[in-house]
């Protein structure tokens, strides 16, 4: 299991994952409305870490731009 702290920027022009200031920064095209940004975040992280979407869980910051994610490998 991996724990990742990250900052999310919803409503960006393109989806992108960067390392900035020692923290992962995730740019999403989805707006922060009705959980759409969280859904897009899980999809993008699943692709990035090559795991199923069900293996990714937002454990802190569900309604915040600063989030903590749990990734279960197995």
N, C-alpha and C. Protein backbone atom coordinates (compact mmCIF):
# COMPACT_ATOMS: atom_id res chain seq x y z
N UNK A 1 0.85 -1.18 0.00
CA UNK A 1 0.00 0.00 0.00
C UNK A 1 0.90 1.24 0.00
N UNK A 2 0.53 2.18 -0.83
CA UNK A 2 1.24 3.45 -0.92
C UNK A 2 0.32 4.58 -0.51
N UNK A 3 0.87 5.55 0.17
CA UNK A 3 0.12 6.75 0.53
C UNK A 3 0.76 7.92 -0.19
N UNK A 4 -0.06 8.69 -0.90
CA UNK A 4 0.46 9.80 -1.70
C UNK A 4 -0.28 11.08 -1.31
N UNK A 5 0.49 12.13 -1.01
CA UNK A 5 -0.09 13.45 -0.77
C UNK A 5 0.02 14.23 -2.07
N UNK A 6 -1.06 14.90 -2.45
CA UNK A 6 -1.03 15.64 -3.70
C UNK A 6 -1.93 16.86 -3.65
N UNK A 7 -1.71 17.72 -4.62
CA UNK A 7 -2.55 18.91 -4.78
C UNK A 7 -3.23 18.80 -6.14
N UNK A 8 -4.52 19.09 -6.17
CA UNK A 8 -5.31 18.97 -7.39
C UNK A 8 -5.68 20.37 -7.89
N UNK A 9 -5.52 20.57 -9.19
CA UNK A 9 -5.94 21.82 -9.83
C UNK A 9 -7.03 21.47 -10.85
N UNK A 10 -8.30 21.61 -10.47
CA UNK A 10 -9.39 21.30 -11.40
C UNK A 10 -9.58 22.42 -12.42
N UNK A 11 -10.20 22.09 -13.54
CA UNK A 11 -10.50 23.08 -14.57
C UNK A 11 -9.28 23.52 -15.37
N UNK A 12 -8.24 22.71 -15.40
CA UNK A 12 -7.04 23.04 -16.17
C UNK A 12 -7.29 22.82 -17.66
N UNK A 13 -6.40 23.34 -18.50
CA UNK A 13 -6.56 23.16 -19.95
C UNK A 13 -6.28 21.74 -20.39
N UNK A 14 -5.32 21.07 -19.69
CA UNK A 14 -5.05 19.67 -20.03
C UNK A 14 -4.71 18.88 -18.77
N UNK A 15 -4.90 17.59 -18.82
CA UNK A 15 -4.61 16.72 -17.68
C UNK A 15 -3.12 16.42 -17.65
N UNK A 16 -2.54 16.57 -16.47
CA UNK A 16 -1.10 16.46 -16.34
C UNK A 16 -0.75 16.12 -14.89
N UNK A 17 0.29 15.31 -14.70
CA UNK A 17 0.80 15.01 -13.37
C UNK A 17 2.24 15.50 -13.32
N UNK A 18 2.55 16.34 -12.31
CA UNK A 18 3.88 16.91 -12.15
C UNK A 18 4.37 16.74 -10.72
N UNK A 19 5.67 16.79 -10.54
CA UNK A 19 6.27 16.87 -9.20
C UNK A 19 6.70 18.32 -9.00
N UNK A 20 6.12 18.99 -8.01
CA UNK A 20 6.49 20.37 -7.72
C UNK A 20 6.62 20.55 -6.22
N UNK A 21 7.71 21.18 -5.79
CA UNK A 21 7.93 21.47 -4.37
C UNK A 21 7.83 20.21 -3.50
N UNK A 22 8.32 19.08 -4.01
CA UNK A 22 8.30 17.84 -3.24
C UNK A 22 6.93 17.20 -3.11
N UNK A 23 5.97 17.68 -3.85
CA UNK A 23 4.60 17.14 -3.79
C UNK A 23 4.11 16.90 -5.21
N UNK A 24 3.29 15.90 -5.36
CA UNK A 24 2.69 15.62 -6.65
C UNK A 24 1.58 16.64 -6.89
N UNK A 25 1.55 17.20 -8.09
CA UNK A 25 0.52 18.17 -8.47
C UNK A 25 -0.21 17.59 -9.67
N UNK A 26 -1.53 17.52 -9.58
CA UNK A 26 -2.33 16.90 -10.63
C UNK A 26 -3.28 17.94 -11.22
N UNK A 27 -3.13 18.20 -12.51
CA UNK A 27 -3.99 19.13 -13.24
C UNK A 27 -5.09 18.33 -13.92
N UNK A 28 -6.33 18.72 -13.70
CA UNK A 28 -7.49 18.01 -14.26
C UNK A 28 -8.34 18.95 -15.10
N UNK A 29 -8.87 18.43 -16.20
CA UNK A 29 -9.77 19.24 -17.03
C UNK A 29 -11.17 19.29 -16.43
N UNK A 30 -11.50 18.33 -15.61
CA UNK A 30 -12.84 18.25 -15.00
C UNK A 30 -13.01 19.37 -13.97
N UNK A 31 -14.23 19.92 -13.88
CA UNK A 31 -14.50 20.96 -12.88
C UNK A 31 -14.70 20.34 -11.50
N UNK A 32 -14.53 21.15 -10.47
CA UNK A 32 -14.73 20.68 -9.10
C UNK A 32 -16.22 20.79 -8.73
N UNK A 33 -17.05 20.08 -9.47
CA UNK A 33 -18.50 20.11 -9.27
C UNK A 33 -19.02 18.69 -9.20
N UNK A 34 -19.84 18.41 -8.22
CA UNK A 34 -20.49 17.10 -8.07
C UNK A 34 -19.52 15.92 -8.10
N UNK A 35 -18.32 16.10 -7.59
CA UNK A 35 -17.35 15.01 -7.52
C UNK A 35 -16.70 14.63 -8.83
N UNK A 36 -16.92 15.43 -9.88
CA UNK A 36 -16.35 15.11 -11.20
C UNK A 36 -14.83 15.14 -11.18
N UNK A 37 -14.24 16.10 -10.46
CA UNK A 37 -12.78 16.19 -10.38
C UNK A 37 -12.21 14.98 -9.64
N UNK A 38 -12.89 14.52 -8.59
CA UNK A 38 -12.41 13.35 -7.86
C UNK A 38 -12.45 12.10 -8.74
N UNK A 39 -13.51 11.95 -9.52
CA UNK A 39 -13.61 10.81 -10.43
C UNK A 39 -12.49 10.86 -11.47
N UNK A 40 -12.25 12.04 -12.03
CA UNK A 40 -11.19 12.20 -13.03
C UNK A 40 -9.83 11.95 -12.40
N UNK A 41 -9.65 12.38 -11.15
CA UNK A 41 -8.40 12.15 -10.44
C UNK A 41 -8.12 10.66 -10.29
N UNK A 42 -9.12 9.90 -9.87
CA UNK A 42 -8.95 8.46 -9.69
C UNK A 42 -8.63 7.78 -11.01
N UNK A 43 -9.31 8.18 -12.07
CA UNK A 43 -9.02 7.60 -13.40
C UNK A 43 -7.59 7.89 -13.85
N UNK A 44 -7.16 9.14 -13.69
CA UNK A 44 -5.82 9.53 -14.12
C UNK A 44 -4.74 8.83 -13.29
N UNK A 45 -4.95 8.75 -11.98
CA UNK A 45 -3.97 8.09 -11.11
C UNK A 45 -3.91 6.58 -11.38
N UNK A 46 -5.04 5.98 -11.69
CA UNK A 46 -5.06 4.55 -12.01
C UNK A 46 -4.21 4.28 -13.26
N UNK A 47 -4.33 5.16 -14.24
CA UNK A 47 -3.53 5.05 -15.46
C UNK A 47 -2.05 5.27 -15.15
N UNK A 48 -1.75 6.29 -14.37
CA UNK A 48 -0.37 6.67 -14.04
C UNK A 48 0.36 5.57 -13.26
N UNK A 49 -0.33 5.00 -12.25
CA UNK A 49 0.29 3.97 -11.41
C UNK A 49 0.04 2.55 -11.93
N UNK A 50 -0.71 2.44 -13.02
CA UNK A 50 -1.04 1.15 -13.65
C UNK A 50 -1.71 0.19 -12.67
N UNK A 51 -2.77 0.67 -12.04
CA UNK A 51 -3.60 -0.16 -11.15
C UNK A 51 -5.06 0.08 -11.52
N UNK A 52 -5.92 -0.78 -11.02
CA UNK A 52 -7.36 -0.59 -11.24
C UNK A 52 -7.86 0.60 -10.44
N UNK A 53 -8.93 1.21 -10.93
CA UNK A 53 -9.51 2.36 -10.23
C UNK A 53 -9.97 1.98 -8.82
N UNK A 54 -10.40 0.73 -8.66
CA UNK A 54 -10.88 0.28 -7.35
C UNK A 54 -9.75 0.21 -6.32
N UNK A 55 -8.50 0.26 -6.76
CA UNK A 55 -7.34 0.20 -5.87
C UNK A 55 -6.94 1.58 -5.34
N UNK A 56 -7.61 2.62 -5.81
CA UNK A 56 -7.28 3.99 -5.41
C UNK A 56 -8.41 4.56 -4.57
N UNK A 57 -8.05 5.12 -3.42
CA UNK A 57 -9.04 5.65 -2.49
C UNK A 57 -8.57 7.00 -1.96
N UNK A 58 -9.47 7.96 -1.99
CA UNK A 58 -9.17 9.27 -1.40
C UNK A 58 -9.49 9.15 0.08
N UNK A 59 -8.46 9.23 0.92
CA UNK A 59 -8.69 9.03 2.36
C UNK A 59 -8.75 10.35 3.13
N UNK A 60 -8.29 11.44 2.50
CA UNK A 60 -8.33 12.74 3.17
C UNK A 60 -8.46 13.83 2.11
N UNK A 61 -9.31 14.81 2.36
CA UNK A 61 -9.44 15.95 1.46
C UNK A 61 -10.43 15.75 0.34
N UNK A 62 -11.50 15.03 0.60
CA UNK A 62 -12.51 14.75 -0.43
C UNK A 62 -13.04 16.04 -1.07
N UNK A 63 -13.19 17.10 -0.28
CA UNK A 63 -13.71 18.36 -0.81
C UNK A 63 -12.65 19.46 -0.79
N UNK A 64 -11.39 19.04 -0.78
CA UNK A 64 -10.28 19.98 -0.74
C UNK A 64 -9.38 19.77 -1.94
N UNK A 65 -8.54 20.74 -2.24
CA UNK A 65 -7.58 20.58 -3.34
C UNK A 65 -6.36 19.80 -2.89
N UNK A 66 -6.10 19.78 -1.59
CA UNK A 66 -4.98 19.01 -1.04
C UNK A 66 -5.56 17.69 -0.55
N UNK A 67 -5.06 16.59 -1.11
CA UNK A 67 -5.64 15.27 -0.84
C UNK A 67 -4.57 14.27 -0.43
N UNK A 68 -5.00 13.24 0.28
CA UNK A 68 -4.16 12.09 0.58
C UNK A 68 -4.83 10.89 -0.05
N UNK A 69 -4.07 10.13 -0.82
CA UNK A 69 -4.58 9.00 -1.59
C UNK A 69 -3.92 7.74 -1.10
N UNK A 70 -4.69 6.67 -0.97
CA UNK A 70 -4.16 5.33 -0.69
C UNK A 70 -4.20 4.53 -1.98
N UNK A 71 -3.10 3.88 -2.31
CA UNK A 71 -3.06 3.02 -3.50
C UNK A 71 -2.69 1.63 -3.05
N UNK A 72 -3.59 0.69 -3.27
CA UNK A 72 -3.36 -0.70 -2.92
C UNK A 72 -2.85 -1.43 -4.15
N UNK A 73 -1.64 -1.96 -4.08
CA UNK A 73 -1.03 -2.62 -5.22
C UNK A 73 -1.61 -4.00 -5.47
N UNK A 74 -1.83 -4.75 -4.42
CA UNK A 74 -2.28 -6.14 -4.58
C UNK A 74 -3.62 -6.34 -3.92
